[in-house]
C-alpha atoms as a PDB file:
ATOM      1  CA  UNK A   1     -65.667-159.054  16.897  1.00  0.00           C
ATOM      2  CA  UNK A   2     -68.173-161.623  16.651  1.00  0.00           C
ATOM      3  CA  UNK A   3     -71.334-161.524  14.494  1.00  0.00           C
ATOM      4  CA  UNK A   4     -74.116-163.791  14.541  1.00  0.00           C
ATOM      5  CA  UNK A   5     -75.695-164.832  11.377  1.00  0.00           C
ATOM      6  CA  UNK A   6     -79.323-165.939  11.953  1.00  0.00           C
ATOM      7  CA  UNK A   7     -80.848-168.512   9.672  1.00  0.00           C
ATOM      8  CA  UNK A   8     -83.812-167.198   7.745  1.00  0.00           C
ATOM      9  CA  UNK A   9     -84.927-171.064   6.652  1.00  0.00           C
ATOM     10  CA  UNK A  10     -84.649-172.048  10.436  1.00  0.00           C
ATOM     11  CA  UNK A  11     -87.056-169.072  11.261  1.00  0.00           C
ATOM     12  CA  UNK A  12     -89.503-170.440   8.651  1.00  0.00           C
ATOM     13  CA  UNK A  13     -89.174-173.952  10.069  1.00  0.00           C
ATOM     14  CA  UNK A  14     -89.009-173.095  13.776  1.00  0.00           C
ATOM     15  CA  UNK A  15     -90.104-169.591  14.376  1.00  0.00           C
ATOM     16  CA  UNK A  16     -90.322-169.774  18.167  1.00  0.00           C
ATOM     17  CA  UNK A  17     -86.989-171.295  18.613  1.00  0.00           C
ATOM     18  CA  UNK A  18     -85.474-168.701  15.996  1.00  0.00           C
ATOM     19  CA  UNK A  19     -86.794-165.921  17.941  1.00  0.00           C
ATOM     20  CA  UNK A  20     -85.150-167.215  21.116  1.00  0.00           C
ATOM     21  CA  UNK A  21     -81.914-167.938  19.623  1.00  0.00           C
ATOM     22  CA  UNK A  22     -81.744-164.529  18.027  1.00  0.00           C
ATOM     23  CA  UNK A  23     -82.549-162.755  21.274  1.00  0.00           C
ATOM     24  CA  UNK A  24     -79.815-164.967  23.077  1.00  0.00           C
ATOM     25  CA  UNK A  25     -77.136-163.754  20.726  1.00  0.00           C
ATOM     26  CA  UNK A  26     -78.242-160.311  20.482  1.00  0.00           C
ATOM     27  CA  UNK A  27     -77.356-159.865  24.216  1.00  0.00           C
ATOM     28  CA  UNK A  28     -73.742-161.268  23.120  1.00  0.00           C
ATOM     29  CA  UNK A  29     -72.945-159.754  19.946  1.00  0.00           C
ATOM     30  CA  UNK A  30     -74.180-158.049  16.707  1.00  0.00           C
ATOM     31  CA  UNK A  31     -76.743-159.877  14.691  1.00  0.00           C
ATOM     32  CA  UNK A  32     -76.635-159.823  10.867  1.00  0.00           C
ATOM     33  CA  UNK A  33     -79.572-159.499   8.588  1.00  0.00           C
ATOM     34  CA  UNK A  34     -80.203-162.345   6.001  1.00  0.00           C
ATOM     35  CA  UNK A  35     -76.867-163.796   4.835  1.00  0.00           C
ATOM     36  CA  UNK A  36     -77.821-163.122   1.242  1.00  0.00           C
ATOM     37  CA  UNK A  37     -78.444-159.417   1.926  1.00  0.00           C
ATOM     38  CA  UNK A  38     -75.674-158.702   4.407  1.00  0.00           C
ATOM     39  CA  UNK A  39     -73.126-156.398   3.009  1.00  0.00           C
ATOM     40  CA  UNK A  40     -70.524-156.201   5.599  1.00  0.00           C
ATOM     41  CA  UNK A  41     -67.119-157.475   5.099  1.00  0.00           C
ATOM     42  CA  UNK A  42     -65.503-159.287   8.127  1.00  0.00           C
ATOM     43  CA  UNK A  43     -62.106-158.181   9.034  1.00  0.00           C
ATOM     44  CA  UNK A  44     -59.161-160.438  10.209  1.00  0.00           C
ATOM     45  CA  UNK A  45     -59.846-161.648  13.521  1.00  0.00           C
ATOM     46  CA  UNK A  46     -63.573-161.198  13.197  1.00  0.00           C
ATOM     47  CA  UNK A  47     -65.695-164.337  13.382  1.00  0.00           C
ATOM     48  CA  UNK A  48     -69.086-165.106  11.855  1.00  0.00           C
ATOM     49  CA  UNK A  49     -71.172-167.195  14.253  1.00  0.00           C
ATOM     50  CA  UNK A  50     -73.666-169.470  12.254  1.00  0.00           C
ATOM     51  CA  UNK A  51     -76.240-172.158  12.717  1.00  0.00           C
ATOM     52  CA  UNK A  52     -77.083-172.836   9.128  1.00  0.00           C
ATOM     53  CA  UNK A  53     -74.585-174.304   6.627  1.00  0.00           C
ATOM     54  CA  UNK A  54     -75.918-171.910   4.034  1.00  0.00           C
ATOM     55  CA  UNK A  55     -75.077-168.918   6.020  1.00  0.00           C
ATOM     56  CA  UNK A  56     -71.430-170.317   6.530  1.00  0.00           C
ATOM     57  CA  UNK A  57     -70.982-170.345   2.931  1.00  0.00           C
ATOM     58  CA  UNK A  58     -72.186-166.650   2.557  1.00  0.00           C
ATOM     59  CA  UNK A  59     -70.034-165.005   5.373  1.00  0.00           C
ATOM     60  CA  UNK A  60     -67.894-162.428   3.824  1.00  0.00           C
ATOM     61  CA  UNK A  61     -64.357-162.246   5.183  1.00  0.00           C
ATOM     62  CA  UNK A  62     -63.183-163.139   8.446  1.00  0.00           C
ATOM     63  CA  UNK A  63     -63.352-166.756  10.045  1.00  0.00           C
ATOM     64  CA  UNK A  64     -66.587-168.740  10.858  1.00  0.00           C
ATOM     65  CA  UNK A  65     -67.651-170.998  13.697  1.00  0.00           C
ATOM     66  CA  UNK A  66     -70.709-173.020  14.505  1.00  0.00           C
ATOM     67  CA  UNK A  67     -73.175-171.879  17.072  1.00  0.00           C
ATOM     68  CA  UNK A  68     -72.880-175.254  18.865  1.00  0.00           C
ATOM     69  CA  UNK A  69     -69.307-175.036  20.004  1.00  0.00           C
ATOM     70  CA  UNK A  70     -69.663-171.559  20.743  1.00  0.00           C
ATOM     71  CA  UNK A  71     -72.662-172.140  23.086  1.00  0.00           C
ATOM     72  CA  UNK A  72     -70.458-175.053  24.917  1.00  0.00           C
ATOM     73  CA  UNK A  73     -68.217-172.501  26.001  1.00  0.00           C
ATOM     74  CA  UNK A  74     -70.765-170.128  27.391  1.00  0.00           C
ATOM     75  CA  UNK A  75     -70.866-171.006  31.165  1.00  0.00           C
ATOM     76  CA  UNK A  76     -74.194-168.961  31.786  1.00  0.00           C
ATOM     77  CA  UNK A  77     -75.906-170.831  29.112  1.00  0.00           C
ATOM     78  CA  UNK A  78     -78.644-173.023  30.714  1.00  0.00           C
ATOM     79  CA  UNK A  79     -79.177-176.256  28.523  1.00  0.00           C
ATOM     80  CA  UNK A  80     -82.832-177.722  29.023  1.00  0.00           C
ATOM     81  CA  UNK A  81     -83.032-181.307  30.291  1.00  0.00           C
ATOM     82  CA  UNK A  82     -84.602-183.864  27.966  1.00  0.00           C
ATOM     83  CA  UNK A  83     -84.025-187.050  30.029  1.00  0.00           C
ATOM     84  CA  UNK A  84     -85.872-190.120  28.506  1.00  0.00           C
ATOM     85  CA  UNK A  85     -85.436-188.524  24.909  1.00  0.00           C
ATOM     86  CA  UNK A  86     -83.720-190.957  22.587  1.00  0.00           C
ATOM     87  CA  UNK A  87     -82.973-189.640  18.894  1.00  0.00           C
ATOM     88  CA  UNK A  88     -80.800-190.895  15.702  1.00  0.00           C
ATOM     89  CA  UNK A  89     -78.369-188.205  14.638  1.00  0.00           C
ATOM     90  CA  UNK A  90     -78.544-187.141  10.980  1.00  0.00           C
ATOM     91  CA  UNK A  91     -75.011-185.657  10.018  1.00  0.00           C
ATOM     92  CA  UNK A  92     -75.221-183.299   7.352  1.00  0.00           C
ATOM     93  CA  UNK A  93     -73.156-184.103   4.052  1.00  0.00           C
ATOM     94  CA  UNK A  94     -72.184-180.258   3.990  1.00  0.00           C
ATOM     95  CA  UNK A  95     -70.566-180.642   7.385  1.00  0.00           C
ATOM     96  CA  UNK A  96     -68.479-183.903   6.721  1.00  0.00           C
ATOM     97  CA  UNK A  97     -65.216-181.744   6.867  1.00  0.00           C
ATOM     98  CA  UNK A  98     -66.308-180.037  10.058  1.00  0.00           C
ATOM     99  CA  UNK A  99     -65.495-182.518  12.925  1.00  0.00           C
ATOM    100  CA  UNK A 100     -65.830-179.690  15.586  1.00  0.00           C
ATOM    101  CA  UNK A 101     -69.431-179.630  14.695  1.00  0.00           C
ATOM    102  CA  UNK A 102     -69.861-183.354  15.050  1.00  0.00           C
ATOM    103  CA  UNK A 103     -68.423-183.478  18.276  1.00  0.00           C
ATOM    104  CA  UNK A 104     -70.320-180.275  19.493  1.00  0.00           C
ATOM    105  CA  UNK A 105     -73.542-181.683  18.645  1.00  0.00           C
ATOM    106  CA  UNK A 106     -73.108-184.747  20.228  1.00  0.00           C
ATOM    107  CA  UNK A 107     -71.831-182.865  23.696  1.00  0.00           C
ATOM    108  CA  UNK A 108     -74.800-180.824  23.507  1.00  0.00           C
ATOM    109  CA  UNK A 109     -77.216-183.761  23.630  1.00  0.00           C
ATOM    110  CA  UNK A 110     -75.127-185.309  26.273  1.00  0.00           C
ATOM    111  CA  UNK A 111     -75.517-182.016  28.197  1.00  0.00           C
ATOM    112  CA  UNK A 112     -79.341-182.182  27.736  1.00  0.00           C
ATOM    113  CA  UNK A 113     -79.601-185.842  28.923  1.00  0.00           C
ATOM    114  CA  UNK A 114     -80.580-187.001  25.230  1.00  0.00           C
ATOM    115  CA  UNK A 115     -79.657-190.445  24.420  1.00  0.00           C
ATOM    116  CA  UNK A 116     -78.230-190.780  20.751  1.00  0.00           C
ATOM    117  CA  UNK A 117     -77.289-193.242  18.172  1.00  0.00           C
ATOM    118  CA  UNK A 118     -75.902-192.585  14.663  1.00  0.00           C
ATOM    119  CA  UNK A 119     -75.853-194.496  11.341  1.00  0.00           C
ATOM    120  CA  UNK A 120     -73.069-195.886   9.519  1.00  0.00           C
ATOM    121  CA  UNK A 121     -72.687-192.893   7.259  1.00  0.00           C
ATOM    122  CA  UNK A 122     -72.331-190.475  10.208  1.00  0.00           C
ATOM    123  CA  UNK A 123     -69.744-187.625  10.675  1.00  0.00           C
ATOM    124  CA  UNK A 124     -67.145-187.450   7.968  1.00  0.00           C
ATOM    125  CA  UNK A 125     -68.910-190.401   6.039  1.00  0.00           C
ATOM    126  CA  UNK A 126     -72.304-188.405   5.602  1.00  0.00           C
ATOM    127  CA  UNK A 127     -73.894-188.736   2.428  1.00  0.00           C
ATOM    128  CA  UNK A 128     -77.346-186.801   2.990  1.00  0.00           C
ATOM    129  CA  UNK A 129     -78.293-183.338   3.028  1.00  0.00           C
ATOM    130  CA  UNK A 130     -82.199-183.708   2.787  1.00  0.00           C
ATOM    131  CA  UNK A 131     -83.528-181.865  -0.252  1.00  0.00           C
ATOM    132  CA  UNK A 132     -80.366-180.611  -1.368  1.00  0.00           C
ATOM    133  CA  UNK A 133     -78.138-183.628  -1.978  1.00  0.00           C
ATOM    134  CA  UNK A 134     -78.354-187.634  -1.544  1.00  0.00           C
ATOM    135  CA  UNK A 135     -75.727-189.990  -2.573  1.00  0.00           C
ATOM    136  CA  UNK A 136     -77.520-193.203  -3.447  1.00  0.00           C
ATOM    137  CA  UNK A 137     -77.022-196.153  -0.969  1.00  0.00           C
ATOM    138  CA  UNK A 138     -80.036-198.468  -1.169  1.00  0.00           C
ATOM    139  CA  UNK A 139     -80.949-200.166  -4.608  1.00  0.00           C
ATOM    140  CA  UNK A 140     -84.344-198.296  -4.642  1.00  0.00           C
ATOM    141  CA  UNK A 141     -82.267-194.987  -4.329  1.00  0.00           C
ATOM    142  CA  UNK A 142     -80.118-196.057  -7.146  1.00  0.00           C
ATOM    143  CA  UNK A 143     -82.926-196.805  -9.327  1.00  0.00           C
ATOM    144  CA  UNK A 144     -84.836-193.634  -8.606  1.00  0.00           C
ATOM    145  CA  UNK A 145     -81.736-191.604  -9.193  1.00  0.00           C
ATOM    146  CA  UNK A 146     -80.849-193.059 -12.599  1.00  0.00           C
ATOM    147  CA  UNK A 147     -83.202-190.925 -14.395  1.00  0.00           C
ATOM    148  CA  UNK A 148     -82.025-187.862 -12.275  1.00  0.00           C
ATOM    149  CA  UNK A 149     -78.368-187.769 -12.178  1.00  0.00           C
ATOM    150  CA  UNK A 150     -78.162-184.408 -10.785  1.00  0.00           C
ATOM    151  CA  UNK A 151     -78.101-184.782  -6.943  1.00  0.00           C
ATOM    152  CA  UNK A 152     -79.656-181.555  -6.169  1.00  0.00           C
ATOM    153  CA  UNK A 153     -82.859-183.054  -4.937  1.00  0.00           C
ATOM    154  CA  UNK A 154     -85.053-180.347  -5.115  1.00  0.00           C
ATOM    155  CA  UNK A 155     -84.814-180.426  -9.093  1.00  0.00           C
ATOM    156  CA  UNK A 156     -86.230-183.664  -9.287  1.00  0.00           C
ATOM    157  CA  UNK A 157     -90.296-184.438  -9.367  1.00  0.00           C
ATOM    158  CA  UNK A 158     -91.974-184.222  -6.037  1.00  0.00           C
ATOM    159  CA  UNK A 159     -92.811-187.893  -6.046  1.00  0.00           C
ATOM    160  CA  UNK A 160     -89.356-188.963  -6.608  1.00  0.00           C
ATOM    161  CA  UNK A 161     -88.225-186.509  -3.799  1.00  0.00           C
ATOM    162  CA  UNK A 162     -90.661-187.868  -1.365  1.00  0.00           C
ATOM    163  CA  UNK A 163     -89.537-191.514  -2.131  1.00  0.00           C
ATOM    164  CA  UNK A 164     -85.794-190.708  -1.782  1.00  0.00           C
ATOM    165  CA  UNK A 165     -86.429-189.310   1.421  1.00  0.00           C
ATOM    166  CA  UNK A 166     -88.441-192.138   2.655  1.00  0.00           C
ATOM    167  CA  UNK A 167     -85.718-194.499   1.930  1.00  0.00           C
ATOM    168  CA  UNK A 168     -83.537-192.456   4.017  1.00  0.00           C
ATOM    169  CA  UNK A 169     -86.048-192.512   7.060  1.00  0.00           C
ATOM    170  CA  UNK A 170     -86.031-196.209   6.692  1.00  0.00           C
ATOM    171  CA  UNK A 171     -82.291-196.363   7.060  1.00  0.00           C
ATOM    172  CA  UNK A 172     -82.654-194.321  10.171  1.00  0.00           C
ATOM    173  CA  UNK A 173     -85.464-196.170  11.616  1.00  0.00           C
ATOM    174  CA  UNK A 174     -83.180-199.239  11.609  1.00  0.00           C
ATOM    175  CA  UNK A 175     -80.769-197.647  13.950  1.00  0.00           C
ATOM    176  CA  UNK A 176     -83.297-196.199  16.483  1.00  0.00           C
ATOM    177  CA  UNK A 177     -82.674-197.818  19.806  1.00  0.00           C
ATOM    178  CA  UNK A 178     -84.399-200.915  21.010  1.00  0.00           C
ATOM    179  CA  UNK A 179     -87.010-200.655  18.239  1.00  0.00           C
ATOM    180  CA  UNK A 180     -88.269-197.346  19.474  1.00  0.00           C
ATOM    181  CA  UNK A 181     -90.098-195.013  16.958  1.00  0.00           C
ATOM    182  CA  UNK A 182     -87.711-192.922  15.262  1.00  0.00           C
ATOM    183  CA  UNK A 183     -86.857-189.230  16.262  1.00  0.00           C
ATOM    184  CA  UNK A 184     -84.200-187.764  13.924  1.00  0.00           C
ATOM    185  CA  UNK A 185     -81.884-185.124  15.146  1.00  0.00           C
ATOM    186  CA  UNK A 186     -81.053-182.502  12.484  1.00  0.00           C
ATOM    187  CA  UNK A 187     -78.878-179.542  12.745  1.00  0.00           C
ATOM    188  CA  UNK A 188     -79.277-178.469   8.969  1.00  0.00           C
ATOM    189  CA  UNK A 189     -82.810-177.076   7.512  1.00  0.00           C
ATOM    190  CA  UNK A 190     -82.395-179.118   4.336  1.00  0.00           C
ATOM    191  CA  UNK A 191     -81.972-182.317   6.361  1.00  0.00           C
ATOM    192  CA  UNK A 192     -85.033-181.207   8.467  1.00  0.00           C
ATOM    193  CA  UNK A 193     -87.266-180.690   5.549  1.00  0.00           C
ATOM    194  CA  UNK A 194     -86.103-183.809   3.694  1.00  0.00           C
ATOM    195  CA  UNK A 195     -86.654-186.148   6.633  1.00  0.00           C
ATOM    196  CA  UNK A 196     -89.985-184.485   7.316  1.00  0.00           C
ATOM    197  CA  UNK A 197     -90.824-184.978   3.613  1.00  0.00           C
ATOM    198  CA  UNK A 198     -89.939-188.617   4.208  1.00  0.00           C
ATOM    199  CA  UNK A 199     -92.381-189.099   6.943  1.00  0.00           C
ATOM    200  CA  UNK A 200     -90.008-188.931  10.100  1.00  0.00           C
ATOM    201  CA  UNK A 201     -90.457-187.189  13.196  1.00  0.00           C
ATOM    202  CA  UNK A 202     -87.720-184.595  13.146  1.00  0.00           C
ATOM    203  CA  UNK A 203     -86.294-182.251  15.991  1.00  0.00           C
ATOM    204  CA  UNK A 204     -83.620-179.669  14.879  1.00  0.00           C
ATOM    205  CA  UNK A 205     -80.920-179.309  17.604  1.00  0.00           C
ATOM    206  CA  UNK A 206     -82.073-175.524  17.690  1.00  0.00           C
ATOM    207  CA  UNK A 207     -85.293-176.475  18.992  1.00  0.00           C
ATOM    208  CA  UNK A 208     -83.995-178.521  21.900  1.00  0.00           C
ATOM    209  CA  UNK A 209     -81.275-176.081  22.863  1.00  0.00           C
ATOM    210  CA  UNK A 210     -83.736-173.226  23.140  1.00  0.00           C
ATOM    211  CA  UNK A 211     -86.198-175.255  25.027  1.00  0.00           C
ATOM    212  CA  UNK A 212     -89.095-175.296  22.347  1.00  0.00           C
ATOM    213  CA  UNK A 213     -89.408-179.096  21.534  1.00  0.00           C
END
C-alpha cells in the first residue's frame, strides 16, 4: 500500500500547486491528513510518499519515498515545458543523505526543459535549510552566527535571519548562468521561505511540476 503525505507548509506557500498535487495523488492512492495528526501506522511493505522533509520524519512505520522519483516512474504524468527557464538548484541540508532525491530533482528539471546549475555545496555537501539550518560559509555568516550558536535559524532575531538569508542568496547569484537574474529552485519549504526572506526569486519544484509557475 502507498499513502501520500501532503505538506501543510507547501499548501500555505503554494496553495494552487498543493491543491493540484493532492488531486493528482488522490487518484492514485490514499491521502493522509497532516503528518503531525496522522495516526495510522504503516505496515511492512507499505510506503509513505512525501514531498516535504518534515513529513518524511513523521511517517510512522513502513518505508518512505520522495514524490519526485515516484512521479518520474508514472508514464501517464505529463511534465509541463519550461524551455528558456534557467534555475540554480538549492539542495536541502536535510536531504544530504538522499542521493535518489538529488538525481530525481535534476531529471525532473531535464524533462521540463529547465536549464540548471548548482553551487559548490550541492547534493551531499548541502549546508543550508533556509529558516531551519545554516552552516556558516562566508565571513559575514560566521560573524552573525558567533552570537547565535544554535543553528536553528528561526530562533534568531529577524534582522539576523534576513541577513543570513541574503548572504546565501548572494552565493547563489554568483552561480546563475551567464549573469542572468537568479531564479532559485527549491524542493523544501524551509529553503523556500529562507531564500525569499533573503530577497531571491524562488520557485518550488512542486509549482513547476504542477504547471502553476
